[in-house]
PDB file of all heavy atoms in Angstrom:
ATOM      1  N   ALA A   1      -5.810 -60.073-102.379  1.00  0.00           N
ATOM      2  CA  ALA A   1      -6.963 -59.202-102.634  1.00  0.00           C
ATOM      3  C   ALA A   1      -7.199 -59.032-104.131  1.00  0.00           C
ATOM      4  O   ALA A   1      -8.325 -59.140-104.617  1.00  0.00           O
ATOM      5  CB  ALA A   1      -6.747 -57.839-101.976  1.00  0.00           C
ATOM      6  N   LYS A   2      -6.122 -58.768-104.893  1.00  0.00           N
ATOM      7  CA  LYS A   2      -6.245 -58.585-106.347  1.00  0.00           C
ATOM      8  C   LYS A   2      -6.776 -59.846-107.023  1.00  0.00           C
ATOM      9  O   LYS A   2      -7.454 -59.770-108.054  1.00  0.00           O
ATOM     10  CB  LYS A   2      -4.882 -58.217-106.945  1.00  0.00           C
ATOM     11  CG  LYS A   2      -4.476 -56.781-106.736  1.00  0.00           C
ATOM     12  CD  LYS A   2      -3.019 -56.555-107.104  1.00  0.00           C
ATOM     13  CE  LYS A   2      -2.738 -56.801-108.559  1.00  0.00           C
ATOM     14  NZ  LYS A   2      -1.309 -56.558-108.881  1.00  0.00           N
ATOM     15  N   CYS A   3      -6.464 -60.989-106.441  1.00  0.00           N
ATOM     16  CA  CYS A   3      -6.915 -62.259-107.020  1.00  0.00           C
ATOM     17  C   CYS A   3      -8.286 -62.685-106.495  1.00  0.00           C
ATOM     18  O   CYS A   3      -8.733 -63.803-106.737  1.00  0.00           O
ATOM     19  CB  CYS A   3      -5.882 -63.351-106.753  1.00  0.00           C
ATOM     20  SG  CYS A   3      -4.315 -63.100-107.623  1.00  0.00           S
ATOM     21  N   GLY A   4      -8.934 -61.801-105.759  1.00  0.00           N
ATOM     22  CA  GLY A   4     -10.299 -62.063-105.312  1.00  0.00           C
ATOM     23  C   GLY A   4     -10.426 -62.834-104.020  1.00  0.00           C
ATOM     24  O   GLY A   4     -11.508 -63.315-103.683  1.00  0.00           O
ATOM     25  N   ASP A   5      -9.336 -62.947-103.272  1.00  0.00           N
ATOM     26  CA  ASP A   5      -9.365 -63.707-102.017  1.00  0.00           C
ATOM     27  C   ASP A   5      -9.101 -62.772-100.838  1.00  0.00           C
ATOM     28  O   ASP A   5      -8.039 -62.821-100.208  1.00  0.00           O
ATOM     29  CB  ASP A   5      -8.320 -64.833-102.069  1.00  0.00           C
ATOM     30  CG  ASP A   5      -8.438 -65.799-100.893  1.00  0.00           C
ATOM     31  OD1 ASP A   5      -9.278 -65.554-100.003  1.00  0.00           O
ATOM     32  OD2 ASP A   5      -7.694 -66.792-100.861  1.00  0.00           O
ATOM     33  N   LEU A   6     -10.102 -61.938-100.537  1.00  0.00           N
ATOM     34  CA  LEU A   6      -9.952 -60.996 -99.421  1.00  0.00           C
ATOM     35  C   LEU A   6      -9.858 -61.707 -98.079  1.00  0.00           C
ATOM     36  O   LEU A   6      -9.246 -61.198 -97.141  1.00  0.00           O
ATOM     37  CB  LEU A   6     -11.131 -60.025 -99.391  1.00  0.00           C
ATOM     38  CG  LEU A   6     -10.978 -58.723-100.178  1.00  0.00           C
ATOM     39  CD1 LEU A   6     -12.272 -57.922-100.129  1.00  0.00           C
ATOM     40  CD2 LEU A   6      -9.834 -57.882 -99.662  1.00  0.00           C
ATOM     41  N   ASN A   7     -10.471 -62.892 -97.981  1.00  0.00           N
ATOM     42  CA  ASN A   7     -10.401 -63.647 -96.719  1.00  0.00           C
ATOM     43  C   ASN A   7      -8.957 -63.954 -96.348  1.00  0.00           C
ATOM     44  O   ASN A   7      -8.559 -63.834 -95.186  1.00  0.00           O
ATOM     45  CB  ASN A   7     -11.209 -64.943 -96.822  1.00  0.00           C
ATOM     46  CG  ASN A   7     -12.702 -64.696 -96.807  1.00  0.00           C
ATOM     47  OD1 ASN A   7     -13.165 -63.687 -96.289  1.00  0.00           O
ATOM     48  ND2 ASN A   7     -13.468 -65.604 -97.398  1.00  0.00           N
ATOM     49  N   SER A   8      -8.173 -64.371 -97.345  1.00  0.00           N
ATOM     50  CA  SER A   8      -6.755 -64.666 -97.073  1.00  0.00           C
ATOM     51  C   SER A   8      -5.991 -63.402 -96.730  1.00  0.00           C
ATOM     52  O   SER A   8      -5.121 -63.410 -95.855  1.00  0.00           O
ATOM     53  CB  SER A   8      -6.118 -65.360 -98.277  1.00  0.00           C
ATOM     54  OG  SER A   8      -6.647 -66.660 -98.436  1.00  0.00           O
ATOM     55  N   SER A   9      -6.319 -62.295 -97.419  1.00  0.00           N
ATOM     56  CA  SER A   9      -5.683 -61.012 -97.088  1.00  0.00           C
ATOM     57  C   SER A   9      -5.944 -60.657 -95.632  1.00  0.00           C
ATOM     58  O   SER A   9      -5.033 -60.290 -94.883  1.00  0.00           O
ATOM     59  CB  SER A   9      -6.227 -59.898 -97.981  1.00  0.00           C
ATOM     60  OG  SER A   9      -5.788 -60.035 -99.294  1.00  0.00           O
ATOM     61  N   ASN A  10      -7.202 -60.754 -95.231  1.00  0.00           N
ATOM     62  CA  ASN A  10      -7.569 -60.420 -93.851  1.00  0.00           C
ATOM     63  C   ASN A  10      -6.926 -61.379 -92.854  1.00  0.00           C
ATOM     64  O   ASN A  10      -6.536 -60.973 -91.756  1.00  0.00           O
ATOM     65  CB  ASN A  10      -9.092 -60.437 -93.703  1.00  0.00           C
ATOM     66  CG  ASN A  10      -9.753 -59.207 -94.292  1.00  0.00           C
ATOM     67  OD1 ASN A  10      -9.463 -58.089 -93.899  1.00  0.00           O
ATOM     68  ND2 ASN A  10     -10.638 -59.397 -95.254  1.00  0.00           N
ATOM     69  N   TYR A  11      -6.821 -62.659 -93.243  1.00  0.00           N
ATOM     70  CA  TYR A  11      -6.211 -63.646 -92.347  1.00  0.00           C
ATOM     71  C   TYR A  11      -4.731 -63.324 -92.120  1.00  0.00           C
ATOM     72  O   TYR A  11      -4.244 -63.368 -90.981  1.00  0.00           O
ATOM     73  CB  TYR A  11      -6.355 -65.053 -92.932  1.00  0.00           C
ATOM     74  CG  TYR A  11      -5.669 -66.111 -92.100  1.00  0.00           C
ATOM     75  CD1 TYR A  11      -6.253 -66.585 -90.929  1.00  0.00           C
ATOM     76  CD2 TYR A  11      -4.418 -66.603 -92.472  1.00  0.00           C
ATOM     77  CE1 TYR A  11      -5.609 -67.532 -90.145  1.00  0.00           C
ATOM     78  CE2 TYR A  11      -3.769 -67.553 -91.698  1.00  0.00           C
ATOM     79  CZ  TYR A  11      -4.363 -68.018 -90.536  1.00  0.00           C
ATOM     80  OH  TYR A  11      -3.720 -68.951 -89.766  1.00  0.00           O
ATOM     81  N   ILE A  12      -4.020 -63.016 -93.212  1.00  0.00           N
ATOM     82  CA  ILE A  12      -2.600 -62.679 -93.080  1.00  0.00           C
ATOM     83  C   ILE A  12      -2.440 -61.468 -92.178  1.00  0.00           C
ATOM     84  O   ILE A  12      -1.596 -61.441 -91.272  1.00  0.00           O
ATOM     85  CB  ILE A  12      -1.972 -62.397 -94.463  1.00  0.00           C
ATOM     86  CG1 ILE A  12      -1.929 -63.671 -95.305  1.00  0.00           C
ATOM     87  CG2 ILE A  12      -0.552 -61.831 -94.315  1.00  0.00           C
ATOM     88  CD1 ILE A  12      -1.575 -63.437 -96.768  1.00  0.00           C
ATOM     89  N   PHE A  13      -3.283 -60.464 -92.388  1.00  0.00           N
ATOM     90  CA  PHE A  13      -3.198 -59.245 -91.592  1.00  0.00           C
ATOM     91  C   PHE A  13      -3.499 -59.507 -90.126  1.00  0.00           C
ATOM     92  O   PHE A  13      -2.769 -59.054 -89.235  1.00  0.00           O
ATOM     93  CB  PHE A  13      -4.173 -58.208 -92.152  1.00  0.00           C
ATOM     94  CG  PHE A  13      -4.183 -56.920 -91.383  1.00  0.00           C
ATOM     95  CD1 PHE A  13      -3.141 -56.019 -91.512  1.00  0.00           C
ATOM     96  CD2 PHE A  13      -5.235 -56.601 -90.546  1.00  0.00           C
ATOM     97  CE1 PHE A  13      -3.144 -54.822 -90.807  1.00  0.00           C
ATOM     98  CE2 PHE A  13      -5.256 -55.415 -89.826  1.00  0.00           C
ATOM     99  CZ  PHE A  13      -4.205 -54.527 -89.964  1.00  0.00           C
ATOM    100  N   SER A  14      -4.555 -60.260 -89.861  1.00  0.00           N
ATOM    101  CA  SER A  14      -4.958 -60.507 -88.466  1.00  0.00           C
ATOM    102  C   SER A  14      -3.943 -61.362 -87.717  1.00  0.00           C
ATOM    103  O   SER A  14      -3.858 -61.299 -86.490  1.00  0.00           O
ATOM    104  CB  SER A  14      -6.342 -61.171 -88.430  1.00  0.00           C
ATOM    105  OG  SER A  14      -6.308 -62.441 -89.043  1.00  0.00           O
ATOM    106  N   SER A  15      -3.170 -62.157 -88.465  1.00  0.00           N
ATOM    107  CA  SER A  15      -2.184 -63.029 -87.819  1.00  0.00           C
ATOM    108  C   SER A  15      -0.878 -62.310 -87.486  1.00  0.00           C
ATOM    109  O   SER A  15      -0.021 -62.854 -86.786  1.00  0.00           O
ATOM    110  CB  SER A  15      -1.878 -64.237 -88.713  1.00  0.00           C
ATOM    111  OG  SER A  15      -1.214 -63.831 -89.901  1.00  0.00           O
ATOM    112  N   LEU A  16      -0.731 -61.081 -87.979  1.00  0.00           N
ATOM    113  CA  LEU A  16       0.493 -60.331 -87.715  1.00  0.00           C
ATOM    114  C   LEU A  16       0.501 -59.804 -86.288  1.00  0.00           C
ATOM    115  O   LEU A  16      -0.440 -59.145 -85.856  1.00  0.00           O
ATOM    116  CB  LEU A  16       0.624 -59.157 -88.688  1.00  0.00           C
ATOM    117  CG  LEU A  16       0.718 -59.494 -90.175  1.00  0.00           C
ATOM    118  CD1 LEU A  16       0.756 -58.204 -91.000  1.00  0.00           C
ATOM    119  CD2 LEU A  16       1.938 -60.334 -90.465  1.00  0.00           C
ATOM    120  N   LEU A  17       1.568 -60.076 -85.576  1.00  0.00           N
ATOM    121  CA  LEU A  17       1.695 -59.588 -84.205  1.00  0.00           C
ATOM    122  C   LEU A  17       2.134 -58.131 -84.178  1.00  0.00           C
ATOM    123  O   LEU A  17       1.749 -57.356 -83.307  1.00  0.00           O
ATOM    124  CB  LEU A  17       2.698 -60.454 -83.431  1.00  0.00           C
ATOM    125  CG  LEU A  17       2.314 -61.940 -83.260  1.00  0.00           C
ATOM    126  CD1 LEU A  17       3.427 -62.688 -82.537  1.00  0.00           C
ATOM    127  CD2 LEU A  17       1.006 -62.060 -82.481  1.00  0.00           C
ATOM    128  N   ASP A  18       2.963 -57.762 -85.146  1.00  0.00           N
ATOM    129  CA  ASP A  18       3.499 -56.408 -85.204  1.00  0.00           C
ATOM    130  C   ASP A  18       2.991 -55.725 -86.475  1.00  0.00           C
ATOM    131  O   ASP A  18       3.571 -55.848 -87.544  1.00  0.00           O
ATOM    132  CB  ASP A  18       5.035 -56.453 -85.204  1.00  0.00           C
ATOM    133  CG  ASP A  18       5.649 -55.060 -85.201  1.00  0.00           C
ATOM    134  OD1 ASP A  18       4.964 -54.127 -84.762  1.00  0.00           O
ATOM    135  OD2 ASP A  18       6.809 -54.923 -85.648  1.00  0.00           O
ATOM    136  N   LYS A  19       1.875 -55.029 -86.333  1.00  0.00           N
ATOM    137  CA  LYS A  19       1.279 -54.345 -87.485  1.00  0.00           C
ATOM    138  C   LYS A  19       1.841 -52.928 -87.559  1.00  0.00           C
ATOM    139  O   LYS A  19       1.677 -52.143 -86.639  1.00  0.00           O
ATOM    140  CB  LYS A  19      -0.245 -54.305 -87.359  1.00  0.00           C
ATOM    141  CG  LYS A  19      -0.918 -55.671 -87.333  1.00  0.00           C
ATOM    142  CD  LYS A  19      -2.431 -55.522 -87.186  1.00  0.00           C
ATOM    143  CE  LYS A  19      -3.139 -56.857 -87.234  1.00  0.00           C
ATOM    144  NZ  LYS A  19      -2.914 -57.685 -86.021  1.00  0.00           N
ATOM    145  N   ASN A  20       2.483 -52.605 -88.680  1.00  0.00           N
ATOM    146  CA  ASN A  20       3.034 -51.263 -88.847  1.00  0.00           C
ATOM    147  C   ASN A  20       2.247 -50.499 -89.899  1.00  0.00           C
ATOM    148  O   ASN A  20       1.328 -51.052 -90.514  1.00  0.00           O
ATOM    149  CB  ASN A  20       4.535 -51.344 -89.196  1.00  0.00           C
ATOM    150  CG  ASN A  20       4.766 -52.084 -90.501  1.00  0.00           C
ATOM    151  OD1 ASN A  20       3.914 -52.093 -91.392  1.00  0.00           O
ATOM    152  ND2 ASN A  20       5.916 -52.720 -90.622  1.00  0.00           N
ATOM    153  N   PRO A  21       2.560 -49.211 -90.130  1.00  0.00           N
ATOM    154  CA  PRO A  21       1.788 -48.435 -91.105  1.00  0.00           C
ATOM    155  C   PRO A  21       1.719 -49.062 -92.499  1.00  0.00           C
ATOM    156  O   PRO A  21       0.690 -48.955 -93.171  1.00  0.00           O
ATOM    157  CB  PRO A  21       2.533 -47.091 -91.139  1.00  0.00           C
ATOM    158  CG  PRO A  21       3.120 -46.951 -89.779  1.00  0.00           C
ATOM    159  CD  PRO A  21       3.527 -48.344 -89.392  1.00  0.00           C
ATOM    160  N   VAL A  22       2.794 -49.722 -92.925  1.00  0.00           N
ATOM    161  CA  VAL A  22       2.810 -50.338 -94.265  1.00  0.00           C
ATOM    162  C   VAL A  22       1.743 -51.417 -94.376  1.00  0.00           C
ATOM    163  O   VAL A  22       0.968 -51.461 -95.336  1.00  0.00           O
ATOM    164  CB  VAL A  22       4.207 -50.918 -94.592  1.00  0.00           C
ATOM    165  CG1 VAL A  22       4.173 -51.700 -95.904  1.00  0.00           C
ATOM    166  CG2 VAL A  22       5.242 -49.808 -94.690  1.00  0.00           C
ATOM    167  N   THR A  23       1.669 -52.312 -93.371  1.00  0.00           N
ATOM    168  CA  THR A  23       0.693 -53.400 -93.433  1.00  0.00           C
ATOM    169  C   THR A  23      -0.737 -52.894 -93.204  1.00  0.00           C
ATOM    170  O   THR A  23      -1.677 -53.392 -93.827  1.00  0.00           O
ATOM    171  CB  THR A  23       1.038 -54.505 -92.411  1.00  0.00           C
ATOM    172  OG1 THR A  23       1.277 -53.934 -91.121  1.00  0.00           O
ATOM    173  CG2 THR A  23       2.266 -55.269 -92.843  1.00  0.00           C
ATOM    174  N   TRP A  24      -0.896 -51.905 -92.330  1.00  0.00           N
ATOM    175  CA  TRP A  24      -2.231 -51.304 -92.143  1.00  0.00           C
ATOM    176  C   TRP A  24      -2.722 -50.695 -93.451  1.00  0.00           C
ATOM    177  O   TRP A  24      -3.858 -50.910 -93.876  1.00  0.00           O
ATOM    178  CB  TRP A  24      -2.186 -50.220 -91.060  1.00  0.00           C
ATOM    179  CG  TRP A  24      -2.345 -50.703 -89.651  1.00  0.00           C
ATOM    180  CD1 TRP A  24      -1.366 -50.869 -88.720  1.00  0.00           C
ATOM    181  CD2 TRP A  24      -3.569 -51.073 -88.993  1.00  0.00           C
ATOM    182  NE1 TRP A  24      -1.884 -51.317 -87.544  1.00  0.00           N
ATOM    183  CE2 TRP A  24      -3.244 -51.449 -87.670  1.00  0.00           C
ATOM    184  CE3 TRP A  24      -4.899 -51.128 -89.392  1.00  0.00           C
ATOM    185  CZ2 TRP A  24      -4.190 -51.877 -86.747  1.00  0.00           C
ATOM    186  CZ3 TRP A  24      -5.860 -51.540 -88.483  1.00  0.00           C
ATOM    187  CH2 TRP A  24      -5.504 -51.910 -87.177  1.00  0.00           C
ATOM    188  N   ASN A  25      -1.864 -49.916 -94.101  1.00  0.00           N
ATOM    189  CA  ASN A  25      -2.248 -49.277 -95.365  1.00  0.00           C
ATOM    190  C   ASN A  25      -2.573 -50.309 -96.439  1.00  0.00           C
ATOM    191  O   ASN A  25      -3.514 -50.136 -97.221  1.00  0.00           O
ATOM    192  CB  ASN A  25      -1.121 -48.362 -95.862  1.00  0.00           C
ATOM    193  CG  ASN A  25      -1.059 -47.056 -95.101  1.00  0.00           C
ATOM    194  OD1 ASN A  25      -2.018 -46.647 -94.457  1.00  0.00           O
ATOM    195  ND2 ASN A  25       0.077 -46.379 -95.171  1.00  0.00           N
ATOM    196  N   ALA A  26      -1.788 -51.383 -96.472  1.00  0.00           N
ATOM    197  CA  ALA A  26      -2.039 -52.444 -97.455  1.00  0.00           C
ATOM    198  C   ALA A  26      -3.414 -53.054 -97.245  1.00  0.00           C
ATOM    199  O   ALA A  26      -4.140 -53.342 -98.206  1.00  0.00           O
ATOM    200  CB  ALA A  26      -0.960 -53.523 -97.350  1.00  0.00           C
ATOM    201  N   MET A  27      -3.793 -53.239 -95.988  1.00  0.00           N
ATOM    202  CA  MET A  27      -5.076 -53.873 -95.681  1.00  0.00           C
ATOM    203  C   MET A  27      -6.244 -52.953 -95.984  1.00  0.00           C
ATOM    204  O   MET A  27      -7.274 -53.386 -96.532  1.00  0.00           O
ATOM    205  CB  MET A  27      -5.092 -54.290 -94.200  1.00  0.00           C
ATOM    206  CG  MET A  27      -6.120 -55.327 -93.850  1.00  0.00           C
ATOM    207  SD  MET A  27      -5.774 -56.892 -94.659  1.00  0.00           S
ATOM    208  CE  MET A  27      -7.132 -57.010 -95.801  1.00  0.00           C
ATOM    209  N   VAL A  28      -6.115 -51.682 -95.626  1.00  0.00           N
ATOM    210  CA  VAL A  28      -7.177 -50.714 -95.933  1.00  0.00           C
ATOM    211  C   VAL A  28      -7.352 -50.623 -97.451  1.00  0.00           C
ATOM    212  O   VAL A  28      -8.477 -50.673 -97.963  1.00  0.00           O
ATOM    213  CB  VAL A  28      -6.850 -49.319 -95.338  1.00  0.00           C
ATOM    214  CG1 VAL A  28      -7.894 -48.297 -95.786  1.00  0.00           C
ATOM    215  CG2 VAL A  28      -6.805 -49.383 -93.816  1.00  0.00           C
ATOM    216  N   ALA A  29      -6.237 -50.508 -98.177  1.00  0.00           N
ATOM    217  CA  ALA A  29      -6.299 -50.390 -99.639  1.00  0.00           C
ATOM    218  C   ALA A  29      -6.864 -51.650-100.282  1.00  0.00           C
ATOM    219  O   ALA A  29      -7.663 -51.574-101.225  1.00  0.00           O
ATOM    220  CB  ALA A  29      -4.907 -50.100-100.193  1.00  0.00           C
ATOM    221  N   ALA A  30      -6.473 -52.821 -99.779  1.00  0.00           N
ATOM    222  CA  ALA A  30      -6.962 -54.087-100.341  1.00  0.00           C
ATOM    223  C   ALA A  30      -8.479 -54.172-100.242  1.00  0.00           C
ATOM    224  O   ALA A  30      -9.159 -54.548-101.208  1.00  0.00           O
ATOM    225  CB  ALA A  30      -6.310 -55.271 -99.616  1.00  0.00           C
ATOM    226  N   ASN A  31      -9.012 -53.816 -99.093  1.00  0.00           N
ATOM    227  CA  ASN A  31     -10.473 -53.859 -98.907  1.00  0.00           C
ATOM    228  C   ASN A  31     -11.175 -52.761 -99.710  1.00  0.00           C
ATOM    229  O   ASN A  31     -12.237 -52.991-100.291  1.00  0.00           O
ATOM    230  CB  ASN A  31     -10.824 -53.737 -97.422  1.00  0.00           C
ATOM    231  CG  ASN A  31     -10.650 -55.046 -96.681  1.00  0.00           C
ATOM    232  OD1 ASN A  31     -11.559 -55.866 -96.598  1.00  0.00           O
ATOM    233  ND2 ASN A  31      -9.455 -55.276 -96.150  1.00  0.00           N
ATOM    234  N   ALA A  32     -10.559 -51.575 -99.763  1.00  0.00           N
ATOM    235  CA  ALA A  32     -11.171 -50.456-100.482  1.00  0.00           C
ATOM    236  C   ALA A  32     -11.254 -50.719-101.978  1.00  0.00           C
ATOM    237  O   ALA A  32     -12.242 -50.392-102.630  1.00  0.00           O
ATOM    238  CB  ALA A  32     -10.383 -49.172-100.226  1.00  0.00           C
ATOM    239  N   ARG A  33     -10.217 -51.336-102.528  1.00  0.00           N
ATOM    240  CA  ARG A  33     -10.132 -51.496-103.982  1.00  0.00           C
ATOM    241  C   ARG A  33     -10.738 -52.793-104.488  1.00  0.00           C
ATOM    242  O   ARG A  33     -11.012 -52.927-105.672  1.00  0.00           O
ATOM    243  CB  ARG A  33      -8.672 -51.423-104.410  1.00  0.00           C
ATOM    244  CG  ARG A  33      -8.070 -50.039-104.218  1.00  0.00           C
ATOM    245  CD  ARG A  33      -6.576 -50.031-104.420  1.00  0.00           C
ATOM    246  NE  ARG A  33      -6.003 -48.739-104.068  1.00  0.00           N
ATOM    247  CZ  ARG A  33      -4.730 -48.551-103.765  1.00  0.00           C
ATOM    248  NH1 ARG A  33      -3.898 -49.572-103.764  1.00  0.00           N
ATOM    249  NH2 ARG A  33      -4.286 -47.341-103.469  1.00  0.00           N
ATOM    250  N   HIS A  34     -10.932 -53.735-103.584  1.00  0.00           N
ATOM    251  CA  HIS A  34     -11.333 -55.055-104.068  1.00  0.00           C
ATOM    252  C   HIS A  34     -12.599 -55.590-103.408  1.00  0.00           C
ATOM    253  O   HIS A  34     -12.750 -56.797-103.237  1.00  0.00           O
ATOM    254  CB  HIS A  34     -10.178 -56.045-103.913  1.00  0.00           C
ATOM    255  CG  HIS A  34      -8.938 -55.613-104.631  1.00  0.00           C
ATOM    256  ND1 HIS A  34      -8.837 -55.628-106.006  1.00  0.00           N
ATOM    257  CD2 HIS A  34      -7.771 -55.107-104.178  1.00  0.00           C
ATOM    258  CE1 HIS A  34      -7.653 -55.165-106.360  1.00  0.00           C
ATOM    259  NE2 HIS A  34      -6.988 -54.843-105.267  1.00  0.00           N
ATOM    260  N   GLY A  35     -13.496 -54.668-103.030  1.00  0.00           N
ATOM    261  CA  GLY A  35     -14.834 -55.125-102.687  1.00  0.00           C
ATOM    262  C   GLY A  35     -15.426 -54.801-101.340  1.00  0.00           C
ATOM    263  O   GLY A  35     -16.595 -54.447-101.263  1.00  0.00           O
ATOM    264  N   ASP A  36     -14.637 -54.877-100.254  1.00  0.00           N
ATOM    265  CA  ASP A  36     -15.239 -54.689 -98.934  1.00  0.00           C
ATOM    266  C   ASP A  36     -14.945 -53.285 -98.413  1.00  0.00           C
ATOM    267  O   ASP A  36     -14.114 -53.085 -97.524  1.00  0.00           O
ATOM    268  CB  ASP A  36     -14.730 -55.752 -97.959  1.00  0.00           C
ATOM    269  CG  ASP A  36     -15.607 -55.876 -96.720  1.00  0.00           C
ATOM    270  OD1 ASP A  36     -16.437 -54.975 -96.483  1.00  0.00           O
ATOM    271  OD2 ASP A  36     -15.475 -56.873 -95.996  1.00  0.00           O
ATOM    272  N   ARG A  37     -15.655 -52.298 -98.979  1.00  0.00           N
ATOM    273  CA  ARG A  37     -15.373 -50.902 -98.645  1.00  0.00           C
ATOM    274  C   ARG A  37     -15.724 -50.562 -97.206  1.00  0.00           C
ATOM    275  O   ARG A  37     -15.041 -49.764 -96.551  1.00  0.00           O
ATOM    276  CB  ARG A  37     -16.124 -49.979 -99.594  1.00  0.00           C
ATOM    277  CG  ARG A  37     -15.441 -49.812-100.945  1.00  0.00           C
ATOM    278  CD  ARG A  37     -15.974 -50.777-101.944  1.00  0.00           C
ATOM    279  NE  ARG A  37     -15.209 -50.769-103.184  1.00  0.00           N
ATOM    280  CZ  ARG A  37     -15.725 -51.161-104.340  1.00  0.00           C
ATOM    281  NH1 ARG A  37     -16.979 -51.570-104.416  1.00  0.00           N
ATOM    282  NH2 ARG A  37     -14.972 -51.180-105.422  1.00  0.00           N
ATOM    283  N   GLU A  38     -16.798 -51.158 -96.681  1.00  0.00           N
ATOM    284  CA  GLU A  38     -17.178 -50.879 -95.290  1.00  0.00           C
ATOM    285  C   GLU A  38     -16.086 -51.350 -94.337  1.00  0.00           C
ATOM    286  O   GLU A  38     -15.767 -50.681 -93.354  1.00  0.00           O
ATOM    287  CB  GLU A  38     -18.510 -51.551 -94.976  1.00  0.00           C
ATOM    288  CG  GLU A  38     -19.691 -50.908 -95.691  1.00  0.00           C
ATOM    289  CD  GLU A  38     -21.017 -51.563 -95.340  1.00  0.00           C
ATOM    290  OE1 GLU A  38     -21.010 -52.532 -94.566  1.00  0.00           O
ATOM    291  OE2 GLU A  38     -22.045 -51.086 -95.840  1.00  0.00           O
ATOM    292  N   ASN A  39     -15.510 -52.508 -94.634  1.00  0.00           N
ATOM    293  CA  ASN A  39     -14.425 -53.011 -93.792  1.00  0.00           C
ATOM    294  C   ASN A  39     -13.191 -52.125 -93.903  1.00  0.00           C
ATOM    295  O   ASN A  39     -12.457 -51.948 -92.929  1.00  0.00           O
ATOM    296  CB  ASN A  39     -14.067 -54.450 -94.168  1.00  0.00           C
ATOM    297  CG  ASN A  39     -13.222 -55.124 -93.108  1.00  0.00           C
ATOM    298  OD1 ASN A  39     -13.479 -54.995 -91.908  1.00  0.00           O
ATOM    299  ND2 ASN A  39     -12.198 -55.846 -93.520  1.00  0.00           N
ATOM    300  N   ALA A  40     -12.961 -51.558 -95.092  1.00  0.00           N
ATOM    301  CA  ALA A  40     -11.836 -50.634 -95.263  1.00  0.00           C
ATOM    302  C   ALA A  40     -11.968 -49.445 -94.316  1.00  0.00           C
ATOM    303  O   ALA A  40     -10.992 -49.037 -93.674  1.00  0.00           O
ATOM    304  CB  ALA A  40     -11.771 -50.150 -96.710  1.00  0.00           C
ATOM    305  N   LEU A  41     -13.174 -48.896 -94.212  1.00  0.00           N
ATOM    306  CA  LEU A  41     -13.397 -47.761 -93.319  1.00  0.00           C
ATOM    307  C   LEU A  41     -13.267 -48.167 -91.847  1.00  0.00           C
ATOM    308  O   LEU A  41     -12.729 -47.416 -91.030  1.00  0.00           O
ATOM    309  CB  LEU A  41     -14.768 -47.144 -93.581  1.00  0.00           C
ATOM    310  CG  LEU A  41     -14.928 -46.475 -94.956  1.00  0.00           C
ATOM    311  CD1 LEU A  41     -16.362 -46.012 -95.172  1.00  0.00           C
ATOM    312  CD2 LEU A  41     -13.962 -45.302 -95.106  1.00  0.00           C
ATOM    313  N   LYS A  42     -13.746 -49.373 -91.523  1.00  0.00           N
ATOM    314  CA  LYS A  42     -13.593 -49.875 -90.154  1.00  0.00           C
ATOM    315  C   LYS A  42     -12.115 -50.027 -89.799  1.00  0.00           C
ATOM    316  O   LYS A  42     -11.679 -49.687 -88.694  1.00  0.00           O
ATOM    317  CB  LYS A  42     -14.306 -51.220 -90.004  1.00  0.00           C
ATOM    318  CG  LYS A  42     -15.829 -51.128 -89.994  1.00  0.00           C
ATOM    319  CD  LYS A  42     -16.452 -52.513 -89.907  1.00  0.00           C
ATOM    320  CE  LYS A  42     -17.978 -52.449 -90.000  1.00  0.00           C
ATOM    321  NZ  LYS A  42     -18.583 -53.800 -90.018  1.00  0.00           N
ATOM    322  N   LEU A  43     -11.342 -50.541 -90.748  1.00  0.00           N
ATOM    323  CA  LEU A  43      -9.910 -50.721 -90.523  1.00  0.00           C
ATOM    324  C   LEU A  43      -9.204 -49.379 -90.344  1.00  0.00           C
ATOM    325  O   LEU A  43      -8.289 -49.253 -89.529  1.00  0.00           O
ATOM    326  CB  LEU A  43      -9.286 -51.493 -91.688  1.00  0.00           C
ATOM    327  CG  LEU A  43      -9.560 -52.997 -91.713  1.00  0.00           C
ATOM    328  CD1 LEU A  43      -9.236 -53.579 -93.088  1.00  0.00           C
ATOM    329  CD2 LEU A  43      -8.734 -53.703 -90.638  1.00  0.00           C
ATOM    330  N   PHE A  44      -9.634 -48.380 -91.105  1.00  0.00           N
ATOM    331  CA  PHE A  44      -9.044 -47.044 -90.973  1.00  0.00           C
ATOM    332  C   PHE A  44      -9.288 -46.502 -89.560  1.00  0.00           C
ATOM    333  O   PHE A  44      -8.386 -45.924 -88.944  1.00  0.00           O
ATOM    334  CB  PHE A  44      -9.643 -46.101 -92.017  1.00  0.00           C
ATOM    335  CG  PHE A  44      -9.079 -44.712 -91.972  1.00  0.00           C
ATOM    336  CD1 PHE A  44      -7.904 -44.405 -92.650  1.00  0.00           C
ATOM    337  CD2 PHE A  44      -9.705 -43.701 -91.247  1.00  0.00           C
ATOM    338  CE1 PHE A  44      -7.366 -43.114 -92.613  1.00  0.00           C
ATOM    339  CE2 PHE A  44      -9.180 -42.425 -91.199  1.00  0.00           C
ATOM    340  CZ  PHE A  44      -8.011 -42.129 -91.883  1.00  0.00           C
ATOM    341  N   ILE A  45     -10.506 -46.705 -89.058  1.00  0.00           N
ATOM    342  CA  ILE A  45     -10.830 -46.255 -87.697  1.00  0.00           C
ATOM    343  C   ILE A  45      -9.997 -47.026 -86.668  1.00  0.00           C
ATOM    344  O   ILE A  45      -9.468 -46.448 -85.717  1.00  0.00           O
ATOM    345  CB  ILE A  45     -12.340 -46.424 -87.426  1.00  0.00           C
ATOM    346  CG1 ILE A  45     -13.149 -45.459 -88.305  1.00  0.00           C
ATOM    347  CG2 ILE A  45     -12.661 -46.182 -85.951  1.00  0.00           C
ATOM    348  CD1 ILE A  45     -14.640 -45.733 -88.326  1.00  0.00           C
ATOM    349  N   GLU A  46      -9.864 -48.343 -86.865  1.00  0.00           N
ATOM    350  CA  GLU A  46      -9.037 -49.162 -85.968  1.00  0.00           C
ATOM    351  C   GLU A  46      -7.586 -48.680 -85.996  1.00  0.00           C
ATOM    352  O   GLU A  46      -6.900 -48.668 -84.968  1.00  0.00           O
ATOM    353  CB  GLU A  46      -9.105 -50.630 -86.388  1.00  0.00           C
ATOM    354  CG  GLU A  46     -10.417 -51.319 -86.053  1.00  0.00           C
ATOM    355  CD  GLU A  46     -10.430 -52.773 -86.511  1.00  0.00           C
ATOM    356  OE1 GLU A  46      -9.338 -53.383 -86.612  1.00  0.00           O
ATOM    357  OE2 GLU A  46     -11.515 -53.298 -86.789  1.00  0.00           O
TER     358      GLU A  46
END
């Protein structure tokens, strides 16, 4: 995400079978801080 590749961030997250609070928070923060704020809010709701 910091390097401008949110697609890869989202891909890594979506491929995880066991998503825990650490990875959820990382994904919400990555989208919130690096461009896709609407997706960050969607992820928070999910």
